[in-house]
Every structure is written in structure tokens, then in C-alpha cells.
PDB file of N, CA and C in Angstrom:
ATOM      1  N   UNK A   1      31.545 211.887 277.070  1.00  0.00           N
ATOM      2  CA  UNK A   1      31.096 210.281 278.033  1.00  0.00           C
ATOM      3  C   UNK A   1      31.942 209.629 278.372  1.00  0.00           C
ATOM      4  N   UNK A   2      32.405 209.244 279.332  1.00  0.00           N
ATOM      5  CA  UNK A   2      33.475 208.544 279.477  1.00  0.00           C
ATOM      6  C   UNK A   2      32.814 206.874 279.261  1.00  0.00           C
ATOM      7  N   UNK A   3      34.234 206.570 279.036  1.00  0.00           N
ATOM      8  CA  UNK A   3      33.528 204.858 278.593  1.00  0.00           C
ATOM      9  C   UNK A   3      33.107 203.853 279.550  1.00  0.00           C
ATOM     10  N   UNK A   4      31.778 203.080 279.534  1.00  0.00           N
ATOM     11  CA  UNK A   4      31.704 202.407 280.599  1.00  0.00           C
ATOM     12  C   UNK A   4      32.769 200.844 280.636  1.00  0.00           C
ATOM     13  N   UNK A   5      32.508 200.289 281.468  1.00  0.00           N
ATOM     14  CA  UNK A   5      33.645 199.014 282.157  1.00  0.00           C
ATOM     15  C   UNK A   5      33.524 198.301 280.348  1.00  0.00           C
ATOM     16  N   UNK A   6      32.184 197.718 279.851  1.00  0.00           N
ATOM     17  CA  UNK A   6      32.333 197.098 278.682  1.00  0.00           C
ATOM     18  C   UNK A   6      32.965 197.725 277.192  1.00  0.00           C
ATOM     19  N   UNK A   7      32.940 198.919 277.321  1.00  0.00           N
ATOM     20  CA  UNK A   7      33.132 199.699 276.355  1.00  0.00           C
ATOM     21  C   UNK A   7      35.372 199.207 276.448  1.00  0.00           C
ATOM     22  N   UNK A   8      35.673 199.663 277.889  1.00  0.00           N
ATOM     23  CA  UNK A   8      36.806 199.666 277.918  1.00  0.00           C
ATOM     24  C   UNK A   8      37.583 198.594 277.823  1.00  0.00           C
ATOM     25  N   UNK A   9      36.522 196.929 278.315  1.00  0.00           N
ATOM     26  CA  UNK A   9      37.112 195.667 277.953  1.00  0.00           C
ATOM     27  C   UNK A   9      37.511 195.421 275.941  1.00  0.00           C
ATOM     28  N   UNK A  10      36.791 196.063 275.337  1.00  0.00           N
ATOM     29  CA  UNK A  10      35.764 195.432 273.570  1.00  0.00           C
ATOM     30  C   UNK A  10      37.639 196.593 273.258  1.00  0.00           C
ATOM     31  N   UNK A  11      37.666 197.182 274.146  1.00  0.00           N
ATOM     32  CA  UNK A  11      38.969 198.279 273.524  1.00  0.00           C
ATOM     33  C   UNK A  11      40.474 197.708 273.569  1.00  0.00           C
ATOM     34  N   UNK A  12      40.775 197.053 274.904  1.00  0.00           N
ATOM     35  CA  UNK A  12      41.080 196.317 275.608  1.00  0.00           C
ATOM     36  C   UNK A  12      41.672 194.659 274.717  1.00  0.00           C
ATOM     37  N   UNK A  13      40.695 194.079 274.125  1.00  0.00           N
ATOM     38  CA  UNK A  13      40.265 192.750 273.794  1.00  0.00           C
ATOM     39  C   UNK A  13      41.030 193.397 272.747  1.00  0.00           C
ATOM     40  N   UNK A  14      40.733 194.457 271.723  1.00  0.00           N
ATOM     41  CA  UNK A  14      41.101 194.795 270.438  1.00  0.00           C
ATOM     42  C   UNK A  14      42.759 195.384 270.488  1.00  0.00           C
ATOM     43  N   UNK A  15      43.034 195.433 271.875  1.00  0.00           N
ATOM     44  CA  UNK A  15      44.565 196.443 271.338  1.00  0.00           C
ATOM     45  C   UNK A  15      44.807 194.812 271.849  1.00  0.00           C
ATOM     46  N   UNK A  16      44.536 193.694 272.616  1.00  0.00           N
ATOM     47  CA  UNK A  16      45.119 192.386 272.263  1.00  0.00           C
ATOM     48  C   UNK A  16      45.062 191.887 270.873  1.00  0.00           C
ATOM     49  N   UNK A  17      44.324 191.677 270.588  1.00  0.00           N
ATOM     50  CA  UNK A  17      44.192 191.070 269.143  1.00  0.00           C
ATOM     51  C   UNK A  17      44.982 192.087 268.172  1.00  0.00           C
ATOM     52  N   UNK A  18      45.066 192.838 268.442  1.00  0.00           N
ATOM     53  CA  UNK A  18      45.977 194.163 267.341  1.00  0.00           C
ATOM     54  C   UNK A  18      47.549 193.273 267.925  1.00  0.00           C
ATOM     55  N   UNK A  19      47.978 192.971 269.120  1.00  0.00           N
ATOM     56  CA  UNK A  19      49.012 192.823 269.285  1.00  0.00           C
ATOM     57  C   UNK A  19      49.496 191.607 268.678  1.00  0.00           C
ATOM     58  N   UNK A  20      48.617 190.215 269.038  1.00  0.00           N
ATOM     59  CA  UNK A  20      49.083 188.581 268.945  1.00  0.00           C
ATOM     60  C   UNK A  20      49.312 188.610 267.268  1.00  0.00           C
ATOM     61  N   UNK A  21      47.920 188.765 266.808  1.00  0.00           N
ATOM     62  CA  UNK A  21      48.414 189.008 265.040  1.00  0.00           C
ATOM     63  C   UNK A  21      49.644 189.967 264.727  1.00  0.00           C
ATOM     64  N   UNK A  22      50.355 191.116 265.174  1.00  0.00           N
ATOM     65  CA  UNK A  22      51.559 191.417 265.103  1.00  0.00           C
ATOM     66  C   UNK A  22      52.698 190.132 265.249  1.00  0.00           C
ATOM     67  N   UNK A  23      52.371 189.517 266.303  1.00  0.00           N
ATOM     68  CA  UNK A  23      53.401 188.435 266.965  1.00  0.00           C
ATOM     69  C   UNK A  23      52.926 187.246 265.414  1.00  0.00           C
ATOM     70  N   UNK A  24      52.434 187.088 265.114  1.00  0.00           N
ATOM     71  CA  UNK A  24      51.779 186.109 264.163  1.00  0.00           C
ATOM     72  C   UNK A  24      50.784 185.078 264.348  1.00  0.00           C
ATOM     73  N   UNK A  25      50.487 185.320 265.254  1.00  0.00           N
ATOM     74  CA  UNK A  25      48.736 184.551 265.665  1.00  0.00           C
ATOM     75  C   UNK A  25      47.745 184.722 264.553  1.00  0.00           C
ATOM     76  N   UNK A  26      46.811 183.664 264.647  1.00  0.00           N
ATOM     77  CA  UNK A  26      45.941 183.929 263.712  1.00  0.00           C
ATOM     78  C   UNK A  26      44.666 183.995 264.726  1.00  0.00           C
ATOM     79  N   UNK A  27      43.265 184.401 263.865  1.00  0.00           N
ATOM     80  CA  UNK A  27      41.887 185.059 265.159  1.00  0.00           C
ATOM     81  C   UNK A  27      41.466 184.071 264.009  1.00  0.00           C
ATOM     82  N   UNK A  28      41.131 183.538 265.745  1.00  0.00           N
ATOM     83  CA  UNK A  28      39.801 182.144 264.949  1.00  0.00           C
ATOM     84  C   UNK A  28      38.458 182.340 265.975  1.00  0.00           C
ATOM     85  N   UNK A  29      38.133 183.314 266.792  1.00  0.00           N
ATOM     86  CA  UNK A  29      37.231 183.680 266.992  1.00  0.00           C
ATOM     87  C   UNK A  29      37.228 184.725 268.865  1.00  0.00           C
ATOM     88  N   UNK A  30      36.290 185.749 268.423  1.00  0.00           N
ATOM     89  CA  UNK A  30      36.021 186.116 269.903  1.00  0.00           C
ATOM     90  C   UNK A  30      34.962 186.164 270.527  1.00  0.00           C
ATOM     91  N   UNK A  31      35.226 186.466 271.572  1.00  0.00           N
ATOM     92  CA  UNK A  31      34.609 186.368 272.896  1.00  0.00           C
ATOM     93  C   UNK A  31      32.933 185.175 272.378  1.00  0.00           C
ATOM     94  N   UNK A  32      34.141 184.136 272.104  1.00  0.00           N
ATOM     95  CA  UNK A  32      33.240 182.629 272.899  1.00  0.00           C
ATOM     96  C   UNK A  32      32.526 182.856 274.348  1.00  0.00           C
ATOM     97  N   UNK A  33      30.797 182.151 273.631  1.00  0.00           N
ATOM     98  CA  UNK A  33      30.551 181.895 274.936  1.00  0.00           C
ATOM     99  C   UNK A  33      30.014 180.748 275.185  1.00  0.00           C
ATOM    100  N   UNK A  34      30.275 179.864 276.366  1.00  0.00           N
ATOM    101  CA  UNK A  34      29.582 178.391 276.099  1.00  0.00           C
ATOM    102  C   UNK A  34      28.802 178.421 278.101  1.00  0.00           C
ATOM    103  N   UNK A  35      27.265 178.917 278.011  1.00  0.00           N
ATOM    104  CA  UNK A  35      27.567 178.593 279.215  1.00  0.00           C
ATOM    105  C   UNK A  35      27.489 179.736 280.165  1.00  0.00           C
ATOM    106  N   UNK A  36      28.148 179.911 281.586  1.00  0.00           N
ATOM    107  CA  UNK A  36      28.359 181.354 282.257  1.00  0.00           C
ATOM    108  C   UNK A  36      30.173 181.850 281.748  1.00  0.00           C
ATOM    109  N   UNK A  37      30.644 180.722 280.629  1.00  0.00           N
ATOM    110  CA  UNK A  37      31.572 180.901 280.684  1.00  0.00           C
ATOM    111  C   UNK A  37      31.643 181.685 279.175  1.00  0.00           C
ATOM    112  N   UNK A  38      33.301 182.782 279.207  1.00  0.00           N
ATOM    113  CA  UNK A  38      33.698 183.475 277.935  1.00  0.00           C
ATOM    114  C   UNK A  38      34.720 183.553 277.471  1.00  0.00           C
ATOM    115  N   UNK A  39      35.645 183.321 276.615  1.00  0.00           N
ATOM    116  CA  UNK A  39      37.022 183.399 276.262  1.00  0.00           C
ATOM    117  C   UNK A  39      37.213 184.642 275.010  1.00  0.00           C
ATOM    118  N   UNK A  40      38.049 185.433 275.758  1.00  0.00           N
ATOM    119  CA  UNK A  40      37.979 186.573 274.610  1.00  0.00           C
ATOM    120  C   UNK A  40      38.637 186.520 273.175  1.00  0.00           C
ATOM    121  N   UNK A  41      40.035 185.928 273.313  1.00  0.00           N
ATOM    122  CA  UNK A  41      40.012 185.894 272.070  1.00  0.00           C
ATOM    123  C   UNK A  41      40.604 184.164 271.908  1.00  0.00           C
ATOM    124  N   UNK A  42      40.309 183.224 270.741  1.00  0.00           N
ATOM    125  CA  UNK A  42      40.874 182.505 270.490  1.00  0.00           C
ATOM    126  C   UNK A  42      41.571 182.029 269.197  1.00  0.00           C
ATOM    127  N   UNK A  43      43.262 182.298 269.718  1.00  0.00           N
ATOM    128  CA  UNK A  43      44.113 182.491 268.729  1.00  0.00           C
ATOM    129  C   UNK A  43      44.967 181.073 268.114  1.00  0.00           C
ATOM    130  N   UNK A  44      45.417 181.150 266.734  1.00  0.00           N
ATOM    131  CA  UNK A  44      46.089 179.869 266.583  1.00  0.00           C
ATOM    132  C   UNK A  44      47.275 180.136 265.800  1.00  0.00           C
ATOM    133  N   UNK A  45      48.470 178.987 266.445  1.00  0.00           N
ATOM    134  CA  UNK A  45      49.738 178.914 265.467  1.00  0.00           C
ATOM    135  C   UNK A  45      49.916 177.864 265.201  1.00  0.00           C
ATOM    136  N   UNK A  46      50.670 177.582 264.392  1.00  0.00           N
ATOM    137  CA  UNK A  46      50.462 175.580 263.945  1.00  0.00           C
ATOM    138  C   UNK A  46      50.438 174.637 265.145  1.00  0.00           C
ATOM    139  N   UNK A  47      49.253 174.006 264.860  1.00  0.00           N
ATOM    140  CA  UNK A  47      49.142 172.801 265.772  1.00  0.00           C
ATOM    141  C   UNK A  47      49.005 173.330 267.072  1.00  0.00           C
ATOM    142  N   UNK A  48      48.816 174.524 267.418  1.00  0.00           N
ATOM    143  CA  UNK A  48      47.854 175.146 268.953  1.00  0.00           C
ATOM    144  C   UNK A  48      47.170 175.837 268.784  1.00  0.00           C
ATOM    145  N   UNK A  49      46.248 175.638 269.656  1.00  0.00           N
ATOM    146  CA  UNK A  49      45.011 176.477 269.866  1.00  0.00           C
ATOM    147  C   UNK A  49      44.966 177.677 271.318  1.00  0.00           C
ATOM    148  N   UNK A  50      45.116 178.712 271.461  1.00  0.00           N
ATOM    149  CA  UNK A  50      45.487 179.267 272.043  1.00  0.00           C
ATOM    150  C   UNK A  50      44.483 180.257 272.512  1.00  0.00           C
ATOM    151  N   UNK A  51      43.618 180.234 274.006  1.00  0.00           N
ATOM    152  CA  UNK A  51      42.994 180.199 274.570  1.00  0.00           C
ATOM    153  C   UNK A  51      43.418 181.888 275.354  1.00  0.00           C
ATOM    154  N   UNK A  52      43.012 183.389 275.401  1.00  0.00           N
ATOM    155  CA  UNK A  52      43.623 183.921 275.892  1.00  0.00           C
ATOM    156  C   UNK A  52      42.584 185.090 276.540  1.00  0.00           C
ATOM    157  N   UNK A  53      42.483 185.018 278.090  1.00  0.00           N
ATOM    158  CA  UNK A  53      41.912 185.558 278.592  1.00  0.00           C
ATOM    159  C   UNK A  53      42.950 187.692 278.577  1.00  0.00           C
ATOM    160  N   UNK A  54      41.925 188.029 278.292  1.00  0.00           N
ATOM    161  CA  UNK A  54      42.468 189.997 278.223  1.00  0.00           C
ATOM    162  C   UNK A  54      41.945 190.736 279.350  1.00  0.00           C
ATOM    163  N   UNK A  55      42.653 191.087 280.332  1.00  0.00           N
ATOM    164  CA  UNK A  55      42.467 192.191 281.502  1.00  0.00           C
ATOM    165  C   UNK A  55      43.168 193.193 281.415  1.00  0.00           C
ATOM    166  N   UNK A  56      42.214 194.699 281.670  1.00  0.00           N
ATOM    167  CA  UNK A  56      43.368 195.746 281.826  1.00  0.00           C
ATOM    168  C   UNK A  56      42.572 196.634 282.640  1.00  0.00           C
ATOM    169  N   UNK A  57      43.367 197.369 283.014  1.00  0.00           N
ATOM    170  CA  UNK A  57      43.358 198.410 284.248  1.00  0.00           C
ATOM    171  C   UNK A  57      44.013 199.731 283.796  1.00  0.00           C
ATOM    172  N   UNK A  58      43.654 201.066 283.803  1.00  0.00           N
ATOM    173  CA  UNK A  58      44.279 202.089 283.959  1.00  0.00           C
ATOM    174  C   UNK A  58      45.635 202.371 284.432  1.00  0.00           C
ATOM    175  N   UNK A  59      45.868 201.755 286.003  1.00  0.00           N
ATOM    176  CA  UNK A  59      46.915 201.590 286.267  1.00  0.00           C
ATOM    177  C   UNK A  59      46.891 200.379 287.411  1.00  0.00           C
ATOM    178  N   UNK A  60      48.134 200.608 287.562  1.00  0.00           N
ATOM    179  CA  UNK A  60      48.682 199.561 288.767  1.00  0.00           C
ATOM    180  C   UNK A  60      47.943 199.724 290.150  1.00  0.00           C
ATOM    181  N   UNK A  61      47.830 200.810 290.427  1.00  0.00           N
ATOM    182  CA  UNK A  61      47.193 201.155 291.687  1.00  0.00           C
ATOM    183  C   UNK A  61      46.723 200.049 292.744  1.00  0.00           C
ATOM    184  N   UNK A  62      45.608 198.764 292.079  1.00  0.00           N
ATOM    185  CA  UNK A  62      45.011 198.194 292.503  1.00  0.00           C
ATOM    186  C   UNK A  62      45.778 196.904 292.150  1.00  0.00           C
ATOM    187  N   UNK A  63      46.910 196.605 291.885  1.00  0.00           N
ATOM    188  CA  UNK A  63      47.756 194.981 291.018  1.00  0.00           C
ATOM    189  C   UNK A  63      47.679 195.351 289.787  1.00  0.00           C
ATOM    190  N   UNK A  64      48.039 194.129 289.678  1.00  0.00           N
ATOM    191  CA  UNK A  64      48.345 194.082 288.084  1.00  0.00           C
ATOM    192  C   UNK A  64      47.042 193.572 287.531  1.00  0.00           C
ATOM    193  N   UNK A  65      47.308 193.570 286.252  1.00  0.00           N
ATOM    194  CA  UNK A  65      45.412 193.208 285.909  1.00  0.00           C
ATOM    195  C   UNK A  65      45.323 191.531 286.087  1.00  0.00           C
ATOM    196  N   UNK A  66      46.828 190.973 285.680  1.00  0.00           N
ATOM    197  CA  UNK A  66      46.424 189.475 285.601  1.00  0.00           C
ATOM    198  C   UNK A  66      46.069 188.703 286.747  1.00  0.00           C
ATOM    199  N   UNK A  67      46.539 189.579 288.145  1.00  0.00           N
ATOM    200  CA  UNK A  67      45.806 188.760 289.206  1.00  0.00           C
ATOM    201  C   UNK A  67      43.995 188.554 289.309  1.00  0.00           C
ATOM    202  N   UNK A  68      43.790 189.369 288.297  1.00  0.00           N
ATOM    203  CA  UNK A  68      42.055 189.325 288.034  1.00  0.00           C
ATOM    204  C   UNK A  68      41.798 187.949 287.886  1.00  0.00           C
ATOM    205  N   UNK A  69      42.578 186.803 287.185  1.00  0.00           N
ATOM    206  CA  UNK A  69      42.242 185.535 286.588  1.00  0.00           C
ATOM    207  C   UNK A  69      42.420 184.809 288.154  1.00  0.00           C
ATOM    208  N   UNK A  70      41.921 184.634 288.616  1.00  0.00           N
ATOM    209  CA  UNK A  70      41.631 184.065 289.796  1.00  0.00           C
ATOM    210  C   UNK A  70      41.253 182.270 289.559  1.00  0.00           C
ATOM    211  N   UNK A  71      41.838 181.313 290.351  1.00  0.00           N
ATOM    212  CA  UNK A  71      41.209 180.055 289.722  1.00  0.00           C
ATOM    213  C   UNK A  71      40.280 179.736 289.462  1.00  0.00           C
ATOM    214  N   UNK A  72      39.066 180.286 290.052  1.00  0.00           N
ATOM    215  CA  UNK A  72      37.992 180.432 289.659  1.00  0.00           C
ATOM    216  C   UNK A  72      37.487 180.070 288.110  1.00  0.00           C
ATOM    217  N   UNK A  73      38.035 181.507 287.884  1.00  0.00           N
ATOM    218  CA  UNK A  73      37.986 182.424 286.796  1.00  0.00           C
ATOM    219  C   UNK A  73      39.084 180.708 285.895  1.00  0.00           C
ATOM    220  N   UNK A  74      39.979 180.534 286.081  1.00  0.00           N
ATOM    221  CA  UNK A  74      40.719 179.963 285.313  1.00  0.00           C
ATOM    222  C   UNK A  74      40.277 178.351 284.792  1.00  0.00           C
ATOM    223  N   UNK A  75      39.567 177.862 285.917  1.00  0.00           N
ATOM    224  CA  UNK A  75      37.958 177.060 285.913  1.00  0.00           C
ATOM    225  C   UNK A  75      37.146 176.853 285.004  1.00  0.00           C
ATOM    226  N   UNK A  76      36.543 178.473 284.975  1.00  0.00           N
ATOM    227  CA  UNK A  76      35.280 178.457 284.147  1.00  0.00           C
ATOM    228  C   UNK A  76      35.860 178.614 282.354  1.00  0.00           C
ATOM    229  N   UNK A  77      37.275 179.304 282.109  1.00  0.00           N
ATOM    230  CA  UNK A  77      38.146 179.251 280.981  1.00  0.00           C
ATOM    231  C   UNK A  77      38.550 177.967 280.408  1.00  0.00           C
ATOM    232  N   UNK A  78      38.948 176.966 281.758  1.00  0.00           N
ATOM    233  CA  UNK A  78      38.827 176.186 281.114  1.00  0.00           C
ATOM    234  C   UNK A  78      38.124 174.922 280.781  1.00  0.00           C
ATOM    235  N   UNK A  79      36.406 175.018 280.820  1.00  0.00           N
ATOM    236  CA  UNK A  79      35.584 174.599 280.903  1.00  0.00           C
ATOM    237  C   UNK A  79      35.235 174.826 279.548  1.00  0.00           C
ATOM    238  N   UNK A  80      34.859 175.737 278.969  1.00  0.00           N
ATOM    239  CA  UNK A  80      34.877 176.853 278.127  1.00  0.00           C
ATOM    240  C   UNK A  80      35.392 175.999 277.044  1.00  0.00           C
ATOM    241  N   UNK A  81      36.930 176.373 277.111  1.00  0.00           N
ATOM    242  CA  UNK A  81      37.632 175.700 276.034  1.00  0.00           C
ATOM    243  C   UNK A  81      37.556 174.488 276.056  1.00  0.00           C
ATOM    244  N   UNK A  82      37.332 173.771 276.448  1.00  0.00           N
ATOM    245  CA  UNK A  82      36.714 172.424 276.372  1.00  0.00           C
ATOM    246  C   UNK A  82      35.238 172.221 275.267  1.00  0.00           C
ATOM    247  N   UNK A  83      34.549 172.979 275.741  1.00  0.00           N
ATOM    248  CA  UNK A  83      33.317 172.937 274.928  1.00  0.00           C
ATOM    249  C   UNK A  83      33.205 173.426 273.442  1.00  0.00           C
ATOM    250  N   UNK A  84      34.328 174.196 273.280  1.00  0.00           N
ATOM    251  CA  UNK A  84      35.162 175.215 272.072  1.00  0.00           C
ATOM    252  C   UNK A  84      35.767 173.658 271.157  1.00  0.00           C
ATOM    253  N   UNK A  85      36.575 172.879 271.835  1.00  0.00           N
ATOM    254  CA  UNK A  85      37.344 172.022 271.148  1.00  0.00           C
ATOM    255  C   UNK A  85      36.332 171.072 270.653  1.00  0.00           C
ATOM    256  N   UNK A  86      35.473 170.771 271.181  1.00  0.00           N
ATOM    257  CA  UNK A  86      34.474 169.712 271.539  1.00  0.00           C
ATOM    258  C   UNK A  86      33.239 169.957 270.418  1.00  0.00           C
ATOM    259  N   UNK A  87      32.841 171.315 269.986  1.00  0.00           N
ATOM    260  CA  UNK A  87      31.882 171.950 268.967  1.00  0.00           C
ATOM    261  C   UNK A  87      32.792 172.165 267.761  1.00  0.00           C
ATOM    262  N   UNK A  88      33.934 171.983 267.499  1.00  0.00           N
ATOM    263  CA  UNK A  88      34.520 172.199 266.647  1.00  0.00           C
ATOM    264  C   UNK A  88      35.670 171.119 266.005  1.00  0.00           C
ATOM    265  N   UNK A  89      35.403 169.749 266.649  1.00  0.00           N
ATOM    266  CA  UNK A  89      35.913 168.908 266.786  1.00  0.00           C
ATOM    267  C   UNK A  89      37.400 169.188 266.528  1.00  0.00           C
ATOM    268  N   UNK A  90      38.247 169.783 267.418  1.00  0.00           N
ATOM    269  CA  UNK A  90      39.622 170.301 267.376  1.00  0.00           C
ATOM    270  C   UNK A  90      40.364 169.281 268.255  1.00  0.00           C
ATOM    271  N   UNK A  91      41.587 168.014 267.879  1.00  0.00           N
ATOM    272  CA  UNK A  91      42.407 167.775 268.552  1.00  0.00           C
ATOM    273  C   UNK A  91      43.608 167.949 268.073  1.00  0.00           C
ATOM    274  N   UNK A  92      44.179 168.776 269.173  1.00  0.00           N
ATOM    275  CA  UNK A  92      45.455 169.862 269.080  1.00  0.00           C
ATOM    276  C   UNK A  92      45.795 170.116 270.035  1.00  0.00           C
ATOM    277  N   UNK A  93      47.480 170.220 270.611  1.00  0.00           N
ATOM    278  CA  UNK A  93      48.009 170.647 271.625  1.00  0.00           C
ATOM    279  C   UNK A  93      46.636 172.672 271.940  1.00  0.00           C
ATOM    280  N   UNK A  94      46.747 172.989 273.102  1.00  0.00           N
ATOM    281  CA  UNK A  94      45.791 173.990 273.557  1.00  0.00           C
ATOM    282  C   UNK A  94      46.775 174.838 274.216  1.00  0.00           C
ATOM    283  N   UNK A  95      46.565 176.094 274.897  1.00  0.00           N
ATOM    284  CA  UNK A  95      47.761 176.478 275.839  1.00  0.00           C
ATOM    285  C   UNK A  95      46.770 177.977 276.459  1.00  0.00           C
ATOM    286  N   UNK A  96      46.817 178.464 277.387  1.00  0.00           N
ATOM    287  CA  UNK A  96      46.205 178.894 278.124  1.00  0.00           C
ATOM    288  C   UNK A  96      47.230 180.727 278.338  1.00  0.00           C
ATOM    289  N   UNK A  97      47.238 181.806 277.970  1.00  0.00           N
ATOM    290  CA  UNK A  97      47.656 183.089 278.227  1.00  0.00           C
ATOM    291  C   UNK A  97      47.043 184.023 278.276  1.00  0.00           C
ATOM    292  N   UNK A  98      47.235 185.255 279.034  1.00  0.00           N
ATOM    293  CA  UNK A  98      46.747 186.105 279.118  1.00  0.00           C
ATOM    294  C   UNK A  98      47.890 187.417 278.961  1.00  0.00           C
ATOM    295  N   UNK A  99      46.493 188.019 278.600  1.00  0.00           N
ATOM    296  CA  UNK A  99      47.282 189.435 278.109  1.00  0.00           C
ATOM    297  C   UNK A  99      46.896 190.135 279.307  1.00  0.00           C
ATOM    298  N   UNK A 100      47.580 191.331 279.619  1.00  0.00           N
ATOM    299  CA  UNK A 100      47.452 192.021 280.693  1.00  0.00           C
ATOM    300  C   UNK A 100      48.121 193.655 279.949  1.00  0.00           C
ATOM    301  N   UNK A 101      46.688 194.784 280.085  1.00  0.00           N
ATOM    302  CA  UNK A 101      47.548 195.638 279.387  1.00  0.00           C
ATOM    303  C   UNK A 101      46.936 197.019 280.935  1.00  0.00           C
ATOM    304  N   UNK A 102      48.239 197.787 280.568  1.00  0.00           N
ATOM    305  CA  UNK A 102      47.913 199.013 282.125  1.00  0.00           C
ATOM    306  C   UNK A 102      48.401 199.711 281.467  1.00  0.00           C
ATOM    307  N   UNK A 103      46.814 200.594 281.290  1.00  0.00           N
ATOM    308  CA  UNK A 103      48.012 202.040 281.168  1.00  0.00           C
ATOM    309  C   UNK A 103      47.831 201.468 278.707  1.00  0.00           C
ATOM    310  N   UNK A 104      49.373 201.971 278.449  1.00  0.00           N
ATOM    311  CA  UNK A 104      50.151 201.800 277.332  1.00  0.00           C
ATOM    312  C   UNK A 104      50.313 200.734 277.040  1.00  0.00           C
ATOM    313  N   UNK A 105      50.777 200.139 278.129  1.00  0.00           N
ATOM    314  CA  UNK A 105      51.554 198.543 278.341  1.00  0.00           C
ATOM    315  C   UNK A 105      50.917 197.142 278.314  1.00  0.00           C
ATOM    316  N   UNK A 106      51.726 196.415 277.241  1.00  0.00           N
ATOM    317  CA  UNK A 106      50.934 194.826 277.087  1.00  0.00           C
ATOM    318  C   UNK A 106      51.865 194.111 277.177  1.00  0.00           C
ATOM    319  N   UNK A 107      51.289 193.211 278.751  1.00  0.00           N
ATOM    320  CA  UNK A 107      52.174 192.120 279.052  1.00  0.00           C
ATOM    321  C   UNK A 107      51.709 191.045 278.372  1.00  0.00           C
ATOM    322  N   UNK A 108      52.250 189.852 277.617  1.00  0.00           N
ATOM    323  CA  UNK A 108      51.817 188.579 277.365  1.00  0.00           C
ATOM    324  C   UNK A 108      52.315 187.627 278.261  1.00  0.00           C
ATOM    325  N   UNK A 109      51.595 186.903 279.007  1.00  0.00           N
ATOM    326  CA  UNK A 109      52.141 185.383 279.673  1.00  0.00           C
ATOM    327  C   UNK A 109      51.461 184.614 279.594  1.00  0.00           C
ATOM    328  N   UNK A 110      52.623 183.838 278.467  1.00  0.00           N
ATOM    329  CA  UNK A 110      51.891 182.674 277.991  1.00  0.00           C
ATOM    330  C   UNK A 110      52.165 181.185 278.888  1.00  0.00           C
ATOM    331  N   UNK A 111      51.285 180.395 278.470  1.00  0.00           N
ATOM    332  CA  UNK A 111      50.381 178.703 278.980  1.00  0.00           C
ATOM    333  C   UNK A 111      50.885 179.172 281.155  1.00  0.00           C
ATOM    334  N   UNK A 112      49.919 180.035 281.366  1.00  0.00           N
ATOM    335  CA  UNK A 112      49.718 180.732 282.666  1.00  0.00           C
ATOM    336  C   UNK A 112      49.212 179.448 283.432  1.00  0.00           C
ATOM    337  N   UNK A 113      48.582 178.637 283.569  1.00  0.00           N
ATOM    338  CA  UNK A 113      47.101 177.895 283.683  1.00  0.00           C
ATOM    339  C   UNK A 113      47.069 176.121 282.836  1.00  0.00           C
TER     340      UNK A 113
END
């Protein structure tokens, strides 16, 4: 039976998490939800919290996955990130990244919005 969209998303998020941890990032949490917002991965490097949106596509026939992070989606991620920082009493620099997975290729976009 083929994978559904949720299952595919979970696989992509795990790939992204593994990739980032191999790059020296520490995982804080996955799938943080607040209201209508969700952040796929929240990672940390020394003195920096990184909010990561993961997008994947089987191929680039309909464009690269990162284009799916629209201004509306960015705004929702930023609001959710503010809630996470407040709930966890964190006062440190932050960054918003995108991990785009096309087929077997992973691309990391840092500080994109």
C-alpha cells in the first residue's frame, strides 16, 4: 500500500532531523503545535534556537519544495515560534530555516525569513 501524505511528511522530517544532527545541531522538539501553527523541528546550536520547516517532493516537476513556504506559512511559523519561546522562557537569538527534500537530495536554507 502506498504511503499517505502524513506518512511521507514524517519520513521527510526524520531525514531532516538526522541530517541536522549530523551537522552538529541538537534536537529540542518535533512537531510543536500552538493554535493553528506547527513547527516541524526545533533545533539548537550554542546560543541559537532554529525553527525548521521541512518540505519534500518526489521530484521537481511542480517546483522545488521550498516554494511551498508561502508568506502566510512564514507568518504562522513566526507566531508559533514566539509562543514556543514564551512557553519555554527562552531569550536568545533565533533563526528560521527550511529543509527541502527532492527525491533523495536534501538542501538546507538557513535564515530564510
